């Protein structure tokens, strides 16, 4: 296909669209790679400094024992992955981790708990954690499972900046990955978070055996939300022994980069986070993701329970690319 014959969409970042059709998104995925990268980089530059990357740290504040059956997750109680169930961490211990993260250059501190949904007594401690982290001058983010409207409001009152609740995949493929909660359950939680005035962190996972059409469907759903998520994590599946997806076929690196680029084009003002799976990505793949519009990473040795590149390695990569942490 010559570029002269190319009729696929070329969005302008000054107008955020929420009416992306699957045909339009499919056409973006089908663009020649240089053209897709050019368009994504162009839109990225219109909205962000392309040399800056937001640095976040993620801490598991309650690990293992989750009753959900997410096929990718080593924390599901029904899978034998070597992850043992632990109690919710003490508030002081979490704040000590947050202080270390800030000293290491993080501007956002994210806390994750392996729950289907939090109990109110547990939310008391989480709200104290949020208040303490916020007092340090860090942005706060939590992921606690499904939320009711009143719970979202409590977190907002504690000062929570972001709530993470990923859609994971397309509506059509979702039941192949999770059966213990519905796609609508996830959308309802996003509605409660948004109504409470909390920023939304919502993305998905690729490399779970899904088809290209499912990546199209996932992006279409995210870009079709009434307000785009302020933060969009794009995760590469980390294959964990003992989970149903331990032997899933690996996604080609350039297909992952394409997903990042399409997310950037369709959600121009969102921070696109290069999330799980970086431990197994080459520096060249990560560099392409930054060119495609990714501008946030997690640093630290673990993402909840799976490996992640160490801080020194990440800082060396950013320095080599002439990039710097976002302040």
Protein backbone atom coordinates (compact mmCIF):
# COMPACT_ATOMS: atom_id res chain seq x y z
CA UNK A 1 0.00 0.00 0.00
CA UNK A 2 1.48 3.36 -0.97
CA UNK A 3 1.07 6.29 1.36
CA UNK A 4 -0.68 8.16 -1.44
CA UNK A 5 -3.47 5.56 -1.28
CA UNK A 6 -3.64 5.58 2.52
CA UNK A 7 -7.05 6.69 3.76
CA UNK A 8 -6.67 5.56 7.37
CA UNK A 9 -7.31 8.16 10.09
CA UNK A 10 -4.80 10.85 11.01
CA UNK A 11 -6.15 12.28 14.28
CA UNK A 12 -5.21 15.72 15.54
CA UNK A 13 -4.34 15.96 19.22
CA UNK A 14 -6.25 19.21 19.71
CA UNK A 15 -9.50 17.25 19.45
CA UNK A 16 -9.83 14.25 21.73
CA UNK A 17 -12.08 11.70 20.09
CA UNK A 18 -14.24 9.16 21.86
CA UNK A 19 -15.89 7.72 18.75
CA UNK A 20 -13.08 5.61 17.31
CA UNK A 21 -14.49 2.76 15.25
CA UNK A 22 -12.87 -0.64 15.16
CA UNK A 23 -12.35 -0.19 11.42
CA UNK A 24 -10.32 2.97 12.07
CA UNK A 25 -8.25 1.33 14.79
CA UNK A 26 -7.71 -1.76 12.65
CA UNK A 27 -6.45 0.52 9.88
CA UNK A 28 -3.93 2.07 12.26
CA UNK A 29 -2.57 -1.35 13.21
CA UNK A 30 -2.25 -2.14 9.48
CA UNK A 31 -0.18 0.94 8.63
CA UNK A 32 3.39 0.43 7.43
CA UNK A 33 5.54 0.48 10.56
CA UNK A 34 7.47 3.70 9.70
CA UNK A 35 4.23 5.58 9.05
CA UNK A 36 2.60 4.32 12.25
CA UNK A 37 5.65 5.33 14.28
CA UNK A 38 5.77 8.76 12.65
CA UNK A 39 2.13 9.48 13.42
CA UNK A 40 2.43 8.27 17.00
CA UNK A 41 5.61 10.29 17.61
CA UNK A 42 4.05 13.39 16.05
CA UNK A 43 1.04 13.22 18.36
CA UNK A 44 3.24 12.44 21.35
CA UNK A 45 5.31 15.58 20.73
CA UNK A 46 2.15 17.69 20.52
CA UNK A 47 1.20 16.67 24.05
CA UNK A 48 4.37 15.75 25.93
CA UNK A 49 8.10 16.32 26.06
CA UNK A 50 9.37 13.23 24.19
CA UNK A 51 12.56 13.15 26.26
CA UNK A 52 10.75 12.77 29.60
CA UNK A 53 9.57 9.54 31.22
CA UNK A 54 7.50 9.35 34.37
CA UNK A 55 9.06 7.02 36.95
CA UNK A 56 6.71 5.10 39.24
CA UNK A 57 7.21 2.42 41.87
CA UNK A 58 4.73 -0.39 42.52
CA UNK A 59 4.50 -2.17 45.87
CA UNK A 60 2.41 -5.24 46.69
CA UNK A 61 0.80 -4.30 50.00
CA UNK A 62 -1.22 -7.51 50.20
CA UNK A 63 0.15 -10.49 48.28
CA UNK A 64 -1.48 -13.76 47.18
CA UNK A 65 -4.65 -15.63 48.11
CA UNK A 66 -6.88 -13.85 45.58
CA UNK A 67 -10.18 -15.67 44.86
CA UNK A 68 -10.27 -14.50 41.22
CA UNK A 69 -9.22 -16.82 38.37
CA UNK A 70 -7.34 -14.36 36.11
CA UNK A 71 -5.38 -16.77 33.87
CA UNK A 72 -2.24 -14.63 33.89
CA UNK A 73 -2.00 -13.99 37.62
CA UNK A 74 0.39 -15.82 39.99
CA UNK A 75 -1.56 -14.43 42.98
CA UNK A 76 -4.73 -16.42 42.26
CA UNK A 77 -5.30 -18.84 45.14
CA UNK A 78 -6.32 -21.69 42.84
CA UNK A 79 -3.00 -21.77 40.97
CA UNK A 80 0.17 -23.37 42.30
CA UNK A 81 2.75 -20.70 41.50
CA UNK A 82 4.80 -20.60 44.67
CA UNK A 83 3.19 -17.33 45.81
CA UNK A 84 1.95 -17.59 49.38
CA UNK A 85 -0.91 -15.56 50.81
CA UNK A 86 0.19 -12.74 53.11
CA UNK A 87 -1.63 -10.24 55.29
CA UNK A 88 -1.99 -6.56 54.48
CA UNK A 89 1.25 -4.74 55.25
CA UNK A 90 1.51 -2.38 58.20
CA UNK A 91 1.10 1.31 57.36
CA UNK A 92 4.56 2.24 58.66
CA UNK A 93 6.22 -0.43 56.52
CA UNK A 94 4.48 0.88 53.39
CA UNK A 95 5.47 4.46 54.17
CA UNK A 96 9.09 3.40 54.58
CA UNK A 97 8.96 1.85 51.09
CA UNK A 98 7.42 5.03 49.70
CA UNK A 99 10.16 7.18 51.24
CA UNK A 100 12.80 4.94 49.65
CA UNK A 101 11.03 5.18 46.28
CA UNK A 102 10.98 8.97 46.45
CA UNK A 103 14.67 9.03 47.37
CA UNK A 104 15.30 6.88 44.32
CA UNK A 105 13.59 9.32 41.97
CA UNK A 106 9.99 8.09 41.80
CA UNK A 107 7.26 10.70 41.41
CA UNK A 108 4.34 8.26 41.82
CA UNK A 109 3.92 5.46 44.35
CA UNK A 110 1.48 2.70 43.47
CA UNK A 111 0.11 0.14 45.92
CA UNK A 112 -1.54 -3.13 44.88
CA UNK A 113 -3.57 -5.60 46.92
CA UNK A 114 -4.63 -9.07 45.77
CA UNK A 115 -8.30 -8.73 46.56
CA UNK A 116 -11.52 -9.29 44.64
CA UNK A 117 -12.69 -6.14 46.40
CA UNK A 118 -11.56 -4.48 49.63
CA UNK A 119 -13.37 -4.88 52.93
CA UNK A 120 -14.14 -1.64 54.73
CA UNK A 121 -11.80 -2.49 57.63
CA UNK A 122 -8.96 -2.99 55.16
CA UNK A 123 -9.83 0.25 53.43
CA UNK A 124 -9.18 2.09 56.72
CA UNK A 125 -5.50 1.07 56.55
CA UNK A 126 -5.23 1.73 52.82
CA UNK A 127 -6.59 5.24 53.30
CA UNK A 128 -3.96 5.83 55.99
CA UNK A 129 -1.30 4.65 53.54
CA UNK A 130 -2.60 7.02 50.86
CA UNK A 131 -2.59 9.94 53.29
CA UNK A 132 0.96 9.17 54.38
CA UNK A 133 2.34 8.77 50.86
CA UNK A 134 0.55 11.92 49.72
CA UNK A 135 2.12 13.85 52.61
CA UNK A 136 5.55 12.96 51.18
CA UNK A 137 4.76 14.84 47.99
CA UNK A 138 4.31 11.72 45.87
CA UNK A 139 1.40 11.02 43.56
CA UNK A 140 -0.64 8.12 44.88
CA UNK A 141 -2.17 5.17 43.05
CA UNK A 142 -3.81 1.99 44.31
CA UNK A 143 -5.27 -1.13 42.73
CA UNK A 144 -7.54 -3.06 45.07
CA UNK A 145 -10.00 -4.87 42.80
CA UNK A 146 -13.62 -3.89 42.37
CA UNK A 147 -14.91 -0.81 44.21
CA UNK A 148 -18.32 0.38 45.31
CA UNK A 149 -19.15 4.06 44.91
CA UNK A 150 -18.80 4.79 48.64
CA UNK A 151 -15.38 3.11 48.75
CA UNK A 152 -14.17 5.19 45.84
CA UNK A 153 -15.30 8.33 47.65
CA UNK A 154 -13.41 7.30 50.79
CA UNK A 155 -10.23 6.90 48.77
CA UNK A 156 -10.77 10.29 47.16
CA UNK A 157 -11.24 11.87 50.59
CA UNK A 158 -7.91 10.32 51.66
CA UNK A 159 -6.21 12.10 48.78
CA UNK A 160 -5.90 9.31 46.21
CA UNK A 161 -4.74 10.58 42.81
CA UNK A 162 -5.11 7.46 40.61
CA UNK A 163 -6.98 4.17 40.73
CA UNK A 164 -5.75 1.31 38.54
CA UNK A 165 -8.28 -1.15 37.19
CA UNK A 166 -7.32 -2.69 33.85
CA UNK A 167 -9.77 -4.03 31.29
CA UNK A 168 -7.10 -6.62 30.36
CA UNK A 169 -8.35 -7.46 26.84
CA UNK A 170 -11.28 -7.10 24.47
CA UNK A 171 -14.87 -7.73 25.57
CA UNK A 172 -14.98 -10.77 23.26
CA UNK A 173 -11.83 -12.47 24.59
CA UNK A 174 -12.35 -11.55 28.24
CA UNK A 175 -14.19 -14.76 29.23
CA UNK A 176 -11.20 -16.79 27.98
CA UNK A 177 -9.04 -15.05 30.60
CA UNK A 178 -11.37 -14.42 33.58
CA UNK A 179 -14.66 -15.99 34.66
CA UNK A 180 -15.00 -14.74 38.24
CA UNK A 181 -15.99 -11.19 37.29
CA UNK A 182 -17.52 -9.71 34.17
CA UNK A 183 -16.33 -7.02 31.80
CA UNK A 184 -19.23 -4.88 33.02
CA UNK A 185 -17.99 -5.28 36.59
CA UNK A 186 -14.75 -3.65 35.51
CA UNK A 187 -16.53 -0.83 33.70
CA UNK A 188 -18.73 -0.24 36.76
CA UNK A 189 -15.65 0.19 38.96
CA UNK A 190 -14.21 2.68 36.47
CA UNK A 191 -17.49 4.61 36.63
CA UNK A 192 -17.33 4.73 40.45
CA UNK A 193 -13.72 5.92 40.34
CA UNK A 194 -14.46 8.61 37.78
CA UNK A 195 -17.57 9.80 39.64
CA UNK A 196 -15.52 10.20 42.82
CA UNK A 197 -13.11 12.51 41.00
CA UNK A 198 -10.15 10.12 41.01
CA UNK A 199 -7.93 9.86 37.92
CA UNK A 200 -8.29 6.57 36.07
CA UNK A 201 -5.36 4.26 35.31
CA UNK A 202 -6.65 1.61 32.91
CA UNK A 203 -5.05 -0.46 30.17
CA UNK A 204 -4.54 -4.08 29.32
CA UNK A 205 -2.28 -7.05 28.71
CA UNK A 206 -1.15 -8.36 25.34
CA UNK A 207 0.46 -11.68 24.52
CA UNK A 208 -2.26 -13.75 26.22
CA UNK A 209 -3.07 -15.73 23.09
CA UNK A 210 -5.45 -13.08 21.84
CA UNK A 211 -5.91 -12.23 18.15
CA UNK A 212 -5.09 -8.88 16.59
CA UNK A 213 -8.83 -8.16 16.62
CA UNK A 214 -8.77 -8.41 20.42
CA UNK A 215 -6.04 -5.78 20.64
CA UNK A 216 -8.18 -3.65 18.35
CA UNK A 217 -11.19 -4.24 20.62
CA UNK A 218 -9.27 -3.40 23.77
CA UNK A 219 -8.01 -0.08 22.38
CA UNK A 220 -11.47 0.72 20.99
CA UNK A 221 -13.01 0.22 24.42
CA UNK A 222 -10.40 2.34 26.20
CA UNK A 223 -10.51 5.14 23.62
CA UNK A 224 -14.31 5.02 23.62
CA UNK A 225 -14.67 5.75 27.34
CA UNK A 226 -16.44 9.07 28.06
CA UNK A 227 -13.12 10.37 29.44
CA UNK A 228 -9.89 8.74 28.34
CA UNK A 229 -7.91 7.15 31.18
CA UNK A 230 -5.29 9.61 32.37
CA UNK A 231 -2.87 6.68 32.52
CA UNK A 232 -2.90 3.72 30.11
CA UNK A 233 -0.64 0.78 31.07
CA UNK A 234 0.25 -1.55 28.20
CA UNK A 235 1.52 -4.81 29.68
CA UNK A 236 3.27 -7.70 27.98
CA UNK A 237 2.26 -11.01 29.53
CA UNK A 238 4.80 -12.34 32.00
CA UNK A 239 4.49 -16.11 31.73
CA UNK A 240 4.42 -17.62 35.21
CA UNK A 241 4.69 -21.34 35.80
CA UNK A 242 1.52 -22.71 37.32
CA UNK A 243 -0.85 -20.27 35.62
CA UNK A 244 -3.02 -21.30 32.64
CA UNK A 245 -1.02 -18.95 30.40
CA UNK A 246 2.43 -20.28 31.31
CA UNK A 247 2.91 -21.66 27.77
CA UNK A 248 1.15 -18.93 25.78
CA UNK A 249 2.72 -18.15 22.43
CA UNK A 250 5.00 -15.13 22.74
CA UNK A 251 3.94 -11.94 20.99
CA UNK A 252 6.31 -10.49 18.43
CA UNK A 253 8.04 -7.40 19.86
CA UNK A 254 6.97 -5.18 16.95
CA UNK A 255 3.33 -6.17 17.53
CA UNK A 256 3.73 -4.91 21.09
CA UNK A 257 5.23 -1.65 19.82
CA UNK A 258 2.31 -1.28 17.42
CA UNK A 259 -0.12 -1.59 20.33
CA UNK A 260 1.70 1.19 22.18
CA UNK A 261 1.64 3.40 19.09
CA UNK A 262 -2.09 2.89 18.47
CA UNK A 263 -2.82 3.64 22.13
CA UNK A 264 -0.86 6.90 21.80
CA UNK A 265 -2.68 7.95 18.61
CA UNK A 266 -6.17 7.20 19.91
CA UNK A 267 -5.58 8.64 23.41
CA UNK A 268 -3.26 11.60 22.70
CA UNK A 269 -3.30 13.25 26.12
CA UNK A 270 -2.98 10.09 28.23
CA UNK A 271 0.26 8.95 29.81
CA UNK A 272 1.00 5.59 28.15
CA UNK A 273 2.85 3.32 30.54
CA UNK A 274 5.29 0.67 29.41
CA UNK A 275 4.45 -1.76 32.20
CA UNK A 276 4.88 -5.49 32.85
CA UNK A 277 7.18 -7.56 30.67
CA UNK A 278 10.09 -5.16 30.35
CA UNK A 279 12.42 -7.64 32.05
CA UNK A 280 12.21 -9.77 28.89
CA UNK A 281 12.34 -6.89 26.40
CA UNK A 282 15.50 -5.79 24.66
CA UNK A 283 16.65 -2.22 25.09
CA UNK A 284 15.88 -1.73 21.39
CA UNK A 285 12.24 -2.78 21.88
CA UNK A 286 11.88 -0.44 24.83
CA UNK A 287 13.42 2.39 22.84
CA UNK A 288 10.90 1.82 20.04
CA UNK A 289 8.11 1.94 22.62
CA UNK A 290 9.33 5.34 23.80
CA UNK A 291 9.43 6.53 20.18
CA UNK A 292 5.88 5.20 19.78
CA UNK A 293 4.68 7.37 22.63
CA UNK A 294 5.22 5.44 25.86
CA UNK A 295 6.26 7.92 28.54
CA UNK A 296 6.01 6.10 31.85
CA UNK A 297 7.67 3.07 33.41
CA UNK A 298 7.75 1.27 36.73
CA UNK A 299 11.18 0.83 38.24
CA UNK A 300 12.28 -1.50 40.96
CA UNK A 301 13.13 -5.21 41.08
CA UNK A 302 9.50 -6.43 41.13
CA UNK A 303 6.06 -5.58 39.77
CA UNK A 304 3.92 -7.05 42.55
CA UNK A 305 5.35 -10.60 42.23
CA UNK A 306 7.01 -10.69 38.79
CA UNK A 307 10.53 -9.54 37.83
CA UNK A 308 11.24 -6.02 36.60
CA UNK A 309 14.49 -4.34 35.54
CA UNK A 310 16.49 -2.79 38.37
CA UNK A 311 16.68 0.97 38.80
CA UNK A 312 20.33 1.21 37.75
CA UNK A 313 19.58 -0.61 34.50
CA UNK A 314 16.64 1.69 33.76
CA UNK A 315 18.58 4.85 34.52
CA UNK A 316 21.41 3.66 32.28
CA UNK A 317 18.92 3.02 29.45
CA UNK A 318 17.34 6.46 29.79
CA UNK A 319 20.76 8.12 29.88
CA UNK A 320 21.83 6.19 26.79
CA UNK A 321 18.70 7.43 25.00
CA UNK A 322 19.19 11.02 26.14
CA UNK A 323 16.00 10.84 28.20
CA UNK A 324 15.30 11.85 31.80
CA UNK A 325 12.77 11.23 34.56
CA UNK A 326 9.70 13.43 34.51
CA UNK A 327 9.52 15.73 37.56
